[in-house]
PDB file of N, CA and C in Angstrom:
ATOM      1  N   UNK A   1      96.987  66.482  -3.577  1.00  0.00           N
ATOM      2  CA  UNK A   1      96.441  65.153  -3.403  1.00  0.00           C
ATOM      3  C   UNK A   1      97.493  64.139  -3.828  1.00  0.00           C
ATOM      4  N   UNK A   2      97.600  63.084  -3.057  1.00  0.00           N
ATOM      5  CA  UNK A   2      98.518  61.997  -3.385  1.00  0.00           C
ATOM      6  C   UNK A   2      97.702  60.788  -3.821  1.00  0.00           C
ATOM      7  N   UNK A   3      98.162  60.137  -4.869  1.00  0.00           N
ATOM      8  CA  UNK A   3      97.488  58.935  -5.347  1.00  0.00           C
ATOM      9  C   UNK A   3      98.442  57.763  -5.197  1.00  0.00           C
ATOM     10  N   UNK A   4      97.943  56.681  -4.632  1.00  0.00           N
ATOM     11  CA  UNK A   4      98.754  55.499  -4.391  1.00  0.00           C
ATOM     12  C   UNK A   4      98.097  54.306  -5.062  1.00  0.00           C
ATOM     13  N   UNK A   5      98.886  53.513  -5.736  1.00  0.00           N
ATOM     14  CA  UNK A   5      98.413  52.258  -6.319  1.00  0.00           C
ATOM     15  C   UNK A   5      99.193  51.135  -5.658  1.00  0.00           C
ATOM     16  N   UNK A   6      98.470  50.210  -5.080  1.00  0.00           N
ATOM     17  CA  UNK A   6      99.098  49.103  -4.368  1.00  0.00           C
ATOM     18  C   UNK A   6      98.652  47.803  -5.016  1.00  0.00           C
ATOM     19  N   UNK A   7      99.603  46.967  -5.361  1.00  0.00           N
ATOM     20  CA  UNK A   7      99.307  45.643  -5.899  1.00  0.00           C
ATOM     21  C   UNK A   7     100.231  44.660  -5.198  1.00  0.00           C
ATOM     22  N   UNK A   8      99.663  43.664  -4.608  1.00  0.00           N
ATOM     23  CA  UNK A   8     100.457  42.675  -3.878  1.00  0.00           C
ATOM     24  C   UNK A   8      99.978  41.290  -4.270  1.00  0.00           C
ATOM     25  N   UNK A   9     100.900  40.423  -4.632  1.00  0.00           N
ATOM     26  CA  UNK A   9     100.572  39.056  -5.038  1.00  0.00           C
ATOM     27  C   UNK A   9     101.001  38.094  -3.940  1.00  0.00           C
ATOM     28  N   UNK A  10     100.110  37.181  -3.592  1.00  0.00           N
ATOM     29  CA  UNK A  10     100.388  36.181  -2.570  1.00  0.00           C
ATOM     30  C   UNK A  10     100.310  34.806  -3.231  1.00  0.00           C
ATOM     31  N   UNK A  11     101.362  34.031  -3.087  1.00  0.00           N
ATOM     32  CA  UNK A  11     101.332  32.689  -3.648  1.00  0.00           C
ATOM     33  C   UNK A  11     100.977  31.696  -2.554  1.00  0.00           C
ATOM     34  N   UNK A  12     100.526  30.547  -2.975  1.00  0.00           N
ATOM     35  CA  UNK A  12     100.096  29.523  -2.032  1.00  0.00           C
ATOM     36  C   UNK A  12     101.297  28.746  -1.528  1.00  0.00           C
ATOM     37  N   UNK A  13     101.453  28.673  -0.222  1.00  0.00           N
ATOM     38  CA  UNK A  13     102.530  27.904   0.391  1.00  0.00           C
ATOM     39  C   UNK A  13     101.950  26.717   1.161  1.00  0.00           C
ATOM     40  N   UNK A  14     100.892  26.149   0.623  1.00  0.00           N
ATOM     41  CA  UNK A  14     100.223  25.050   1.314  1.00  0.00           C
ATOM     42  C   UNK A  14     101.074  23.789   1.224  1.00  0.00           C
ATOM     43  N   UNK A  15     101.261  23.150   2.351  1.00  0.00           N
ATOM     44  CA  UNK A  15     101.992  21.880   2.386  1.00  0.00           C
ATOM     45  C   UNK A  15     101.028  20.800   1.919  1.00  0.00           C
ATOM     46  N   UNK A  16     101.381  20.147   0.835  1.00  0.00           N
ATOM     47  CA  UNK A  16     100.479  19.166   0.237  1.00  0.00           C
ATOM     48  C   UNK A  16     100.907  17.774   0.686  1.00  0.00           C
ATOM     49  N   UNK A  17     100.180  17.257   1.635  1.00  0.00           N
ATOM     50  CA  UNK A  17     100.426  15.915   2.148  1.00  0.00           C
ATOM     51  C   UNK A  17      99.627  14.919   1.297  1.00  0.00           C
ATOM     52  N   UNK A  18      99.904  13.629   1.407  1.00  0.00           N
ATOM     53  CA  UNK A  18      99.112  12.640   0.652  1.00  0.00           C
ATOM     54  C   UNK A  18      97.615  12.730   0.971  1.00  0.00           C
ATOM     55  N   UNK A  19      97.282  13.034   2.215  1.00  0.00           N
ATOM     56  CA  UNK A  19      95.872  13.157   2.601  1.00  0.00           C
ATOM     57  C   UNK A  19      95.222  14.359   1.900  1.00  0.00           C
ATOM     58  N   UNK A  20      95.932  15.489   1.864  1.00  0.00           N
ATOM     59  CA  UNK A  20      95.430  16.686   1.190  1.00  0.00           C
ATOM     60  C   UNK A  20      95.281  16.411  -0.300  1.00  0.00           C
ATOM     61  N   UNK A  21      96.264  15.735  -0.894  1.00  0.00           N
ATOM     62  CA  UNK A  21      96.241  15.403  -2.315  1.00  0.00           C
ATOM     63  C   UNK A  21      95.021  14.533  -2.635  1.00  0.00           C
ATOM     64  N   UNK A  22      94.743  13.566  -1.791  1.00  0.00           N
ATOM     65  CA  UNK A  22      93.589  12.687  -1.980  1.00  0.00           C
ATOM     66  C   UNK A  22      92.284  13.484  -1.937  1.00  0.00           C
ATOM     67  N   UNK A  23      92.171  14.402  -0.997  1.00  0.00           N
ATOM     68  CA  UNK A  23      90.979  15.236  -0.872  1.00  0.00           C
ATOM     69  C   UNK A  23      90.827  16.152  -2.085  1.00  0.00           C
ATOM     70  N   UNK A  24      91.931  16.707  -2.551  1.00  0.00           N
ATOM     71  CA  UNK A  24      91.884  17.605  -3.713  1.00  0.00           C
ATOM     72  C   UNK A  24      91.412  16.852  -4.952  1.00  0.00           C
ATOM     73  N   UNK A  25      91.851  15.604  -5.127  1.00  0.00           N
ATOM     74  CA  UNK A  25      91.428  14.812  -6.276  1.00  0.00           C
ATOM     75  C   UNK A  25      89.916  14.622  -6.291  1.00  0.00           C
ATOM     76  N   UNK A  26      89.301  14.541  -5.113  1.00  0.00           N
ATOM     77  CA  UNK A  26      87.840  14.393  -5.031  1.00  0.00           C
ATOM     78  C   UNK A  26      87.134  15.590  -5.666  1.00  0.00           C
ATOM     79  N   UNK A  27      87.773  16.758  -5.618  1.00  0.00           N
ATOM     80  CA  UNK A  27      87.182  17.977  -6.171  1.00  0.00           C
ATOM     81  C   UNK A  27      87.795  18.358  -7.526  1.00  0.00           C
ATOM     82  N   UNK A  28      88.615  17.459  -8.082  1.00  0.00           N
ATOM     83  CA  UNK A  28      89.184  17.701  -9.397  1.00  0.00           C
ATOM     84  C   UNK A  28      90.320  18.707  -9.419  1.00  0.00           C
ATOM     85  N   UNK A  29      90.958  18.922  -8.284  1.00  0.00           N
ATOM     86  CA  UNK A  29      92.062  19.879  -8.195  1.00  0.00           C
ATOM     87  C   UNK A  29      93.374  19.106  -8.090  1.00  0.00           C
ATOM     88  N   UNK A  30      94.346  19.476  -8.914  1.00  0.00           N
ATOM     89  CA  UNK A  30      95.652  18.826  -8.847  1.00  0.00           C
ATOM     90  C   UNK A  30      96.614  19.681  -8.027  1.00  0.00           C
ATOM     91  N   UNK A  31      97.661  19.061  -7.536  1.00  0.00           N
ATOM     92  CA  UNK A  31      98.656  19.786  -6.746  1.00  0.00           C
ATOM     93  C   UNK A  31      99.344  20.837  -7.612  1.00  0.00           C
ATOM     94  N   UNK A  32      99.586  20.518  -8.891  1.00  0.00           N
ATOM     95  CA  UNK A  32     100.229  21.478  -9.800  1.00  0.00           C
ATOM     96  C   UNK A  32      99.364  22.721  -9.965  1.00  0.00           C
ATOM     97  N   UNK A  33      98.063  22.511 -10.118  1.00  0.00           N
ATOM     98  CA  UNK A  33      97.151  23.659 -10.281  1.00  0.00           C
ATOM     99  C   UNK A  33      97.159  24.533  -9.033  1.00  0.00           C
ATOM    100  N   UNK A  34      97.177  23.911  -7.871  1.00  0.00           N
ATOM    101  CA  UNK A  34      97.197  24.667  -6.627  1.00  0.00           C
ATOM    102  C   UNK A  34      98.494  25.467  -6.502  1.00  0.00           C
ATOM    103  N   UNK A  35      99.619  24.883  -6.885  1.00  0.00           N
ATOM    104  CA  UNK A  35     100.906  25.582  -6.796  1.00  0.00           C
ATOM    105  C   UNK A  35     100.992  26.751  -7.771  1.00  0.00           C
ATOM    106  N   UNK A  36     100.335  26.634  -8.936  1.00  0.00           N
ATOM    107  CA  UNK A  36     100.370  27.690  -9.951  1.00  0.00           C
ATOM    108  C   UNK A  36      99.533  28.900  -9.565  1.00  0.00           C
ATOM    109  N   UNK A  37      98.522  28.689  -8.778  1.00  0.00           N
ATOM    110  CA  UNK A  37      97.571  29.755  -8.475  1.00  0.00           C
ATOM    111  C   UNK A  37      98.122  30.699  -7.412  1.00  0.00           C
ATOM    112  N   UNK A  38      97.765  31.940  -7.556  1.00  0.00           N
ATOM    113  CA  UNK A  38      98.129  32.936  -6.554  1.00  0.00           C
ATOM    114  C   UNK A  38      96.993  33.942  -6.466  1.00  0.00           C
ATOM    115  N   UNK A  39      97.019  34.727  -5.419  1.00  0.00           N
ATOM    116  CA  UNK A  39      95.988  35.727  -5.195  1.00  0.00           C
ATOM    117  C   UNK A  39      96.630  37.097  -5.342  1.00  0.00           C
ATOM    118  N   UNK A  40      95.982  37.979  -6.088  1.00  0.00           N
ATOM    119  CA  UNK A  40      96.496  39.338  -6.250  1.00  0.00           C
ATOM    120  C   UNK A  40      95.462  40.315  -5.700  1.00  0.00           C
ATOM    121  N   UNK A  41      95.928  41.224  -4.889  1.00  0.00           N
ATOM    122  CA  UNK A  41      95.080  42.293  -4.357  1.00  0.00           C
ATOM    123  C   UNK A  41      95.550  43.603  -4.959  1.00  0.00           C
ATOM    124  N   UNK A  42      94.612  44.368  -5.488  1.00  0.00           N
ATOM    125  CA  UNK A  42      94.949  45.668  -6.067  1.00  0.00           C
ATOM    126  C   UNK A  42      94.025  46.721  -5.476  1.00  0.00           C
ATOM    127  N   UNK A  43      94.582  47.871  -5.192  1.00  0.00           N
ATOM    128  CA  UNK A  43      93.739  48.983  -4.759  1.00  0.00           C
ATOM    129  C   UNK A  43      94.392  50.301  -5.134  1.00  0.00           C
ATOM    130  N   UNK A  44      93.578  51.311  -5.290  1.00  0.00           N
ATOM    131  CA  UNK A  44      94.049  52.653  -5.621  1.00  0.00           C
ATOM    132  C   UNK A  44      93.463  53.609  -4.594  1.00  0.00           C
ATOM    133  N   UNK A  45      94.306  54.421  -3.984  1.00  0.00           N
ATOM    134  CA  UNK A  45      93.864  55.365  -2.962  1.00  0.00           C
ATOM    135  C   UNK A  45      94.202  56.785  -3.384  1.00  0.00           C
ATOM    136  N   UNK A  46      93.287  57.683  -3.126  1.00  0.00           N
ATOM    137  CA  UNK A  46      93.555  59.105  -3.292  1.00  0.00           C
ATOM    138  C   UNK A  46      93.410  59.736  -1.920  1.00  0.00           C
ATOM    139  N   UNK A  47      94.495  60.337  -1.437  1.00  0.00           N
ATOM    140  CA  UNK A  47      94.479  60.957  -0.116  1.00  0.00           C
ATOM    141  C   UNK A  47      94.859  62.418  -0.287  1.00  0.00           C
ATOM    142  N   UNK A  48      93.942  63.294   0.086  1.00  0.00           N
ATOM    143  CA  UNK A  48      94.206  64.738  -0.003  1.00  0.00           C
ATOM    144  C   UNK A  48      94.884  65.217   1.274  1.00  0.00           C
ATOM    145  N   UNK A  49      95.616  66.300   1.165  1.00  0.00           N
ATOM    146  CA  UNK A  49      96.281  66.870   2.325  1.00  0.00           C
ATOM    147  C   UNK A  49      95.232  67.217   3.382  1.00  0.00           C
ATOM    148  N   UNK A  50      95.477  66.812   4.614  1.00  0.00           N
ATOM    149  CA  UNK A  50      94.547  67.073   5.704  1.00  0.00           C
ATOM    150  C   UNK A  50      93.528  65.967   5.919  1.00  0.00           C
ATOM    151  N   UNK A  51      93.443  64.998   5.000  1.00  0.00           N
ATOM    152  CA  UNK A  51      92.503  63.886   5.170  1.00  0.00           C
ATOM    153  C   UNK A  51      92.912  63.016   6.350  1.00  0.00           C
ATOM    154  N   UNK A  52      91.927  62.488   7.018  1.00  0.00           N
ATOM    155  CA  UNK A  52      92.151  61.480   8.055  1.00  0.00           C
ATOM    156  C   UNK A  52      91.661  60.169   7.456  1.00  0.00           C
ATOM    157  N   UNK A  53      92.530  59.189   7.383  1.00  0.00           N
ATOM    158  CA  UNK A  53      92.213  57.919   6.735  1.00  0.00           C
ATOM    159  C   UNK A  53      91.971  56.864   7.802  1.00  0.00           C
ATOM    160  N   UNK A  54      90.876  56.145   7.653  1.00  0.00           N
ATOM    161  CA  UNK A  54      90.484  55.101   8.600  1.00  0.00           C
ATOM    162  C   UNK A  54      90.519  53.771   7.857  1.00  0.00           C
ATOM    163  N   UNK A  55      91.341  52.845   8.295  1.00  0.00           N
ATOM    164  CA  UNK A  55      91.451  51.532   7.661  1.00  0.00           C
ATOM    165  C   UNK A  55      90.877  50.507   8.622  1.00  0.00           C
ATOM    166  N   UNK A  56      89.894  49.759   8.156  1.00  0.00           N
ATOM    167  CA  UNK A  56      89.281  48.753   9.021  1.00  0.00           C
ATOM    168  C   UNK A  56      89.084  47.462   8.243  1.00  0.00           C
ATOM    169  N   UNK A  57      88.880  46.404   8.971  1.00  0.00           N
ATOM    170  CA  UNK A  57      88.625  45.108   8.363  1.00  0.00           C
ATOM    171  C   UNK A  57      88.910  44.016   9.367  1.00  0.00           C
ATOM    172  N   UNK A  58      88.413  42.825   9.082  1.00  0.00           N
ATOM    173  CA  UNK A  58      88.638  41.714  10.006  1.00  0.00           C
ATOM    174  C   UNK A  58      90.101  41.289  10.032  1.00  0.00           C
ATOM    175  N   UNK A  59      90.450  40.549  11.046  1.00  0.00           N
ATOM    176  CA  UNK A  59      91.808  40.033  11.184  1.00  0.00           C
ATOM    177  C   UNK A  59      92.171  39.230   9.938  1.00  0.00           C
ATOM    178  N   UNK A  60      93.360  39.509   9.394  1.00  0.00           N
ATOM    179  CA  UNK A  60      93.822  38.770   8.234  1.00  0.00           C
ATOM    180  C   UNK A  60      93.363  39.335   6.896  1.00  0.00           C
ATOM    181  N   UNK A  61      92.681  40.475   6.908  1.00  0.00           N
ATOM    182  CA  UNK A  61      92.153  41.022   5.654  1.00  0.00           C
ATOM    183  C   UNK A  61      93.170  41.854   4.882  1.00  0.00           C
ATOM    184  N   UNK A  62      94.337  42.137   5.474  1.00  0.00           N
ATOM    185  CA  UNK A  62      95.393  42.821   4.738  1.00  0.00           C
ATOM    186  C   UNK A  62      95.658  44.259   5.133  1.00  0.00           C
ATOM    187  N   UNK A  63      95.166  44.677   6.295  1.00  0.00           N
ATOM    188  CA  UNK A  63      95.383  46.066   6.735  1.00  0.00           C
ATOM    189  C   UNK A  63      96.870  46.364   6.890  1.00  0.00           C
ATOM    190  N   UNK A  64      97.604  45.491   7.552  1.00  0.00           N
ATOM    191  CA  UNK A  64      99.038  45.711   7.776  1.00  0.00           C
ATOM    192  C   UNK A  64      99.810  45.652   6.463  1.00  0.00           C
ATOM    193  N   UNK A  65      99.428  44.748   5.574  1.00  0.00           N
ATOM    194  CA  UNK A  65     100.086  44.656   4.265  1.00  0.00           C
ATOM    195  C   UNK A  65      99.886  45.959   3.509  1.00  0.00           C
ATOM    196  N   UNK A  66      98.666  46.482   3.526  1.00  0.00           N
ATOM    197  CA  UNK A  66      98.373  47.751   2.853  1.00  0.00           C
ATOM    198  C   UNK A  66      99.240  48.873   3.411  1.00  0.00           C
ATOM    199  N   UNK A  67      99.335  48.966   4.734  1.00  0.00           N
ATOM    200  CA  UNK A  67     100.142  50.017   5.352  1.00  0.00           C
ATOM    201  C   UNK A  67     101.620  49.888   4.996  1.00  0.00           C
ATOM    202  N   UNK A  68     102.141  48.658   4.979  1.00  0.00           N
ATOM    203  CA  UNK A  68     103.549  48.458   4.603  1.00  0.00           C
ATOM    204  C   UNK A  68     103.791  48.857   3.146  1.00  0.00           C
ATOM    205  N   UNK A  69     102.859  48.508   2.263  1.00  0.00           N
ATOM    206  CA  UNK A  69     103.005  48.856   0.841  1.00  0.00           C
ATOM    207  C   UNK A  69     102.914  50.367   0.642  1.00  0.00           C
ATOM    208  N   UNK A  70     102.017  51.020   1.381  1.00  0.00           N
ATOM    209  CA  UNK A  70     101.913  52.478   1.290  1.00  0.00           C
ATOM    210  C   UNK A  70     103.175  53.153   1.816  1.00  0.00           C
ATOM    211  N   UNK A  71     103.695  52.636   2.919  1.00  0.00           N
ATOM    212  CA  UNK A  71     104.919  53.207   3.492  1.00  0.00           C
ATOM    213  C   UNK A  71     106.062  53.138   2.496  1.00  0.00           C
ATOM    214  N   UNK A  72     106.137  52.051   1.746  1.00  0.00           N
ATOM    215  CA  UNK A  72     107.214  51.896   0.764  1.00  0.00           C
ATOM    216  C   UNK A  72     107.108  52.923  -0.358  1.00  0.00           C
ATOM    217  N   UNK A  73     105.914  53.467  -0.603  1.00  0.00           N
ATOM    218  CA  UNK A  73     105.723  54.441  -1.677  1.00  0.00           C
ATOM    219  C   UNK A  73     105.955  55.885  -1.232  1.00  0.00           C
ATOM    220  N   UNK A  74     106.050  56.097   0.076  1.00  0.00           N
ATOM    221  CA  UNK A  74     106.260  57.452   0.595  1.00  0.00           C
ATOM    222  C   UNK A  74     107.753  57.673   0.797  1.00  0.00           C
ATOM    223  N   UNK A  75     108.253  58.789   0.290  1.00  0.00           N
ATOM    224  CA  UNK A  75     109.659  59.124   0.455  1.00  0.00           C
ATOM    225  C   UNK A  75     110.004  59.164   1.945  1.00  0.00           C
ATOM    226  N   UNK A  76     111.163  58.647   2.295  1.00  0.00           N
ATOM    227  CA  UNK A  76     111.557  58.556   3.711  1.00  0.00           C
ATOM    228  C   UNK A  76     111.543  59.913   4.407  1.00  0.00           C
ATOM    229  N   UNK A  77     111.858  60.979   3.687  1.00  0.00           N
ATOM    230  CA  UNK A  77     111.868  62.313   4.295  1.00  0.00           C
ATOM    231  C   UNK A  77     110.451  62.802   4.623  1.00  0.00           C
ATOM    232  N   UNK A  78     109.428  62.191   4.026  1.00  0.00           N
ATOM    233  CA  UNK A  78     108.044  62.588   4.257  1.00  0.00           C
ATOM    234  C   UNK A  78     107.360  61.754   5.348  1.00  0.00           C
ATOM    235  N   UNK A  79     108.009  60.708   5.800  1.00  0.00           N
ATOM    236  CA  UNK A  79     107.411  59.813   6.799  1.00  0.00           C
ATOM    237  C   UNK A  79     107.470  60.432   8.185  1.00  0.00           C
ATOM    238  N   UNK A  80     106.493  60.087   8.998  1.00  0.00           N
ATOM    239  CA  UNK A  80     106.446  60.543  10.387  1.00  0.00           C
ATOM    240  C   UNK A  80     106.632  59.324  11.286  1.00  0.00           C
ATOM    241  N   UNK A  81     107.631  59.377  12.136  1.00  0.00           N
ATOM    242  CA  UNK A  81     107.864  58.298  13.090  1.00  0.00           C
ATOM    243  C   UNK A  81     107.062  58.616  14.347  1.00  0.00           C
ATOM    244  N   UNK A  82     106.069  57.803  14.641  1.00  0.00           N
ATOM    245  CA  UNK A  82     105.211  58.063  15.796  1.00  0.00           C
ATOM    246  C   UNK A  82     105.971  58.009  17.114  1.00  0.00           C
ATOM    247  N   UNK A  83     107.098  57.309  17.142  1.00  0.00           N
ATOM    248  CA  UNK A  83     107.907  57.253  18.367  1.00  0.00           C
ATOM    249  C   UNK A  83     108.578  58.586  18.670  1.00  0.00           C
ATOM    250  N   UNK A  84     108.686  59.454  17.662  1.00  0.00           N
ATOM    251  CA  UNK A  84     109.324  60.761  17.856  1.00  0.00           C
ATOM    252  C   UNK A  84     108.354  61.838  18.342  1.00  0.00           C
ATOM    253  N   UNK A  85     107.074  61.518  18.428  1.00  0.00           N
ATOM    254  CA  UNK A  85     106.069  62.496  18.847  1.00  0.00           C
ATOM    255  C   UNK A  85     105.901  62.428  20.361  1.00  0.00           C
ATOM    256  N   UNK A  86     106.110  63.568  21.042  1.00  0.00           N
ATOM    257  CA  UNK A  86     105.921  63.603  22.497  1.00  0.00           C
ATOM    258  C   UNK A  86     104.444  63.796  22.802  1.00  0.00           C
ATOM    259  N   UNK A  87     103.935  62.974  23.692  1.00  0.00           N
ATOM    260  CA  UNK A  87     102.539  63.061  24.108  1.00  0.00           C
ATOM    261  C   UNK A  87     102.474  63.614  25.517  1.00  0.00           C
ATOM    262  N   UNK A  88     101.406  64.362  25.834  1.00  0.00           N
ATOM    263  CA  UNK A  88     101.266  64.847  27.210  1.00  0.00           C
ATOM    264  C   UNK A  88     101.061  63.670  28.159  1.00  0.00           C
ATOM    265  N   UNK A  89     101.576  63.801  29.363  1.00  0.00           N
ATOM    266  CA  UNK A  89     101.468  62.721  30.345  1.00  0.00           C
ATOM    267  C   UNK A  89     100.029  62.361  30.674  1.00  0.00           C
ATOM    268  N   UNK A  90      99.141  63.344  30.658  1.00  0.00           N
ATOM    269  CA  UNK A  90      97.752  63.087  31.044  1.00  0.00           C
ATOM    270  C   UNK A  90      96.898  62.606  29.878  1.00  0.00           C
ATOM    271  N   UNK A  91      97.402  62.670  28.662  1.00  0.00           N
ATOM    272  CA  UNK A  91      96.615  62.306  27.485  1.00  0.00           C
ATOM    273  C   UNK A  91      96.543  60.811  27.281  1.00  0.00           C
ATOM    274  N   UNK A  92      95.476  60.375  26.702  1.00  0.00           N
ATOM    275  CA  UNK A  92      95.303  58.962  26.378  1.00  0.00           C
ATOM    276  C   UNK A  92      95.512  58.777  24.877  1.00  0.00           C
ATOM    277  N   UNK A  93      96.082  57.669  24.516  1.00  0.00           N
ATOM    278  CA  UNK A  93      96.278  57.334  23.107  1.00  0.00           C
ATOM    279  C   UNK A  93      95.413  56.118  22.795  1.00  0.00           C
ATOM    280  N   UNK A  94      94.632  56.220  21.740  1.00  0.00           N
ATOM    281  CA  UNK A  94      93.766  55.117  21.330  1.00  0.00           C
ATOM    282  C   UNK A  94      94.363  54.509  20.071  1.00  0.00           C
ATOM    283  N   UNK A  95      94.648  53.207  20.101  1.00  0.00           N
ATOM    284  CA  UNK A  95      95.162  52.569  18.897  1.00  0.00           C
ATOM    285  C   UNK A  95      94.212  51.514  18.356  1.00  0.00           C
ATOM    286  N   UNK A  96      93.152  51.211  19.078  1.00  0.00           N
ATOM    287  CA  UNK A  96      92.189  50.208  18.628  1.00  0.00           C
ATOM    288  C   UNK A  96      90.839  50.520  19.239  1.00  0.00           C
ATOM    289  N   UNK A  97      89.815  50.498  18.411  1.00  0.00           N
ATOM    290  CA  UNK A  97      88.457  50.745  18.893  1.00  0.00           C
ATOM    291  C   UNK A  97      87.587  49.588  18.454  1.00  0.00           C
ATOM    292  N   UNK A  98      86.954  48.940  19.392  1.00  0.00           N
ATOM    293  CA  UNK A  98      86.058  47.812  19.115  1.00  0.00           C
ATOM    294  C   UNK A  98      84.778  48.325  18.471  1.00  0.00           C
ATOM    295  N   UNK A  99      84.272  47.614  17.488  1.00  0.00           N
ATOM    296  CA  UNK A  99      82.987  47.965  16.885  1.00  0.00           C
ATOM    297  C   UNK A  99      83.132  48.430  15.455  1.00  0.00           C
ATOM    298  N   UNK A 100      82.030  48.968  14.925  1.00  0.00           N
ATOM    299  CA  UNK A 100      82.047  49.405  13.536  1.00  0.00           C
ATOM    300  C   UNK A 100      82.474  50.867  13.417  1.00  0.00           C
ATOM    301  N   UNK A 101      82.512  51.353  12.185  1.00  0.00           N
ATOM    302  CA  UNK A 101      82.985  52.706  11.909  1.00  0.00           C
ATOM    303  C   UNK A 101      82.130  53.746  12.622  1.00  0.00           C
ATOM    304  N   UNK A 102      80.820  53.574  12.607  1.00  0.00           N
ATOM    305  CA  UNK A 102      79.926  54.550  13.242  1.00  0.00           C
ATOM    306  C   UNK A 102      80.196  54.658  14.737  1.00  0.00           C
ATOM    307  N   UNK A 103      80.350  53.526  15.398  1.00  0.00           N
ATOM    308  CA  UNK A 103      80.638  53.524  16.832  1.00  0.00           C
ATOM    309  C   UNK A 103      81.986  54.184  17.110  1.00  0.00           C
ATOM    310  N   UNK A 104      82.973  53.897  16.272  1.00  0.00           N
ATOM    311  CA  UNK A 104      84.301  54.481  16.466  1.00  0.00           C
ATOM    312  C   UNK A 104      84.269  55.991  16.296  1.00  0.00           C
ATOM    313  N   UNK A 105      83.553  56.487  15.284  1.00  0.00           N
ATOM    314  CA  UNK A 105      83.476  57.934  15.069  1.00  0.00           C
ATOM    315  C   UNK A 105      82.742  58.625  16.206  1.00  0.00           C
ATOM    316  N   UNK A 106      81.687  58.009  16.732  1.00  0.00           N
ATOM    317  CA  UNK A 106      80.970  58.569  17.884  1.00  0.00           C
ATOM    318  C   UNK A 106      81.906  58.673  19.085  1.00  0.00           C
ATOM    319  N   UNK A 107      82.685  57.633  19.318  1.00  0.00           N
ATOM    320  CA  UNK A 107      83.606  57.638  20.450  1.00  0.00           C
ATOM    321  C   UNK A 107      84.681  58.709  20.281  1.00  0.00           C
ATOM    322  N   UNK A 108      85.232  58.825  19.074  1.00  0.00           N
ATOM    323  CA  UNK A 108      86.289  59.798  18.841  1.00  0.00           C
ATOM    324  C   UNK A 108      85.791  61.232  18.890  1.00  0.00           C
ATOM    325  N   UNK A 109      84.520  61.448  18.526  1.00  0.00           N
ATOM    326  CA  UNK A 109      84.004  62.825  18.538  1.00  0.00           C
ATOM    327  C   UNK A 109      83.690  63.256  19.957  1.00  0.00           C
TER     328      UNK A 109
END
């Protein structure tokens, strides 16, 4: 079993215009406070040999960030380049399935 811990911090790169500053003052937020704040995402994954991992979430939820962080933790000799895998000419490859997890599993089965 492999255990992965991923922590990624995102800082705010919001452009603070005079109009934005005026609006923030209405809610008691200063530009300095906004610049100091950041968002941290942490997760821990345990993946056993032979497991099939399904990552889902809405657009912008961090799926690609998670995959990039996981890739950085895997030794390069252990990585699989999908471009190196030959597929049969008649086979179909699915890279995206619309719907929820249950619908996707029904389709794949």
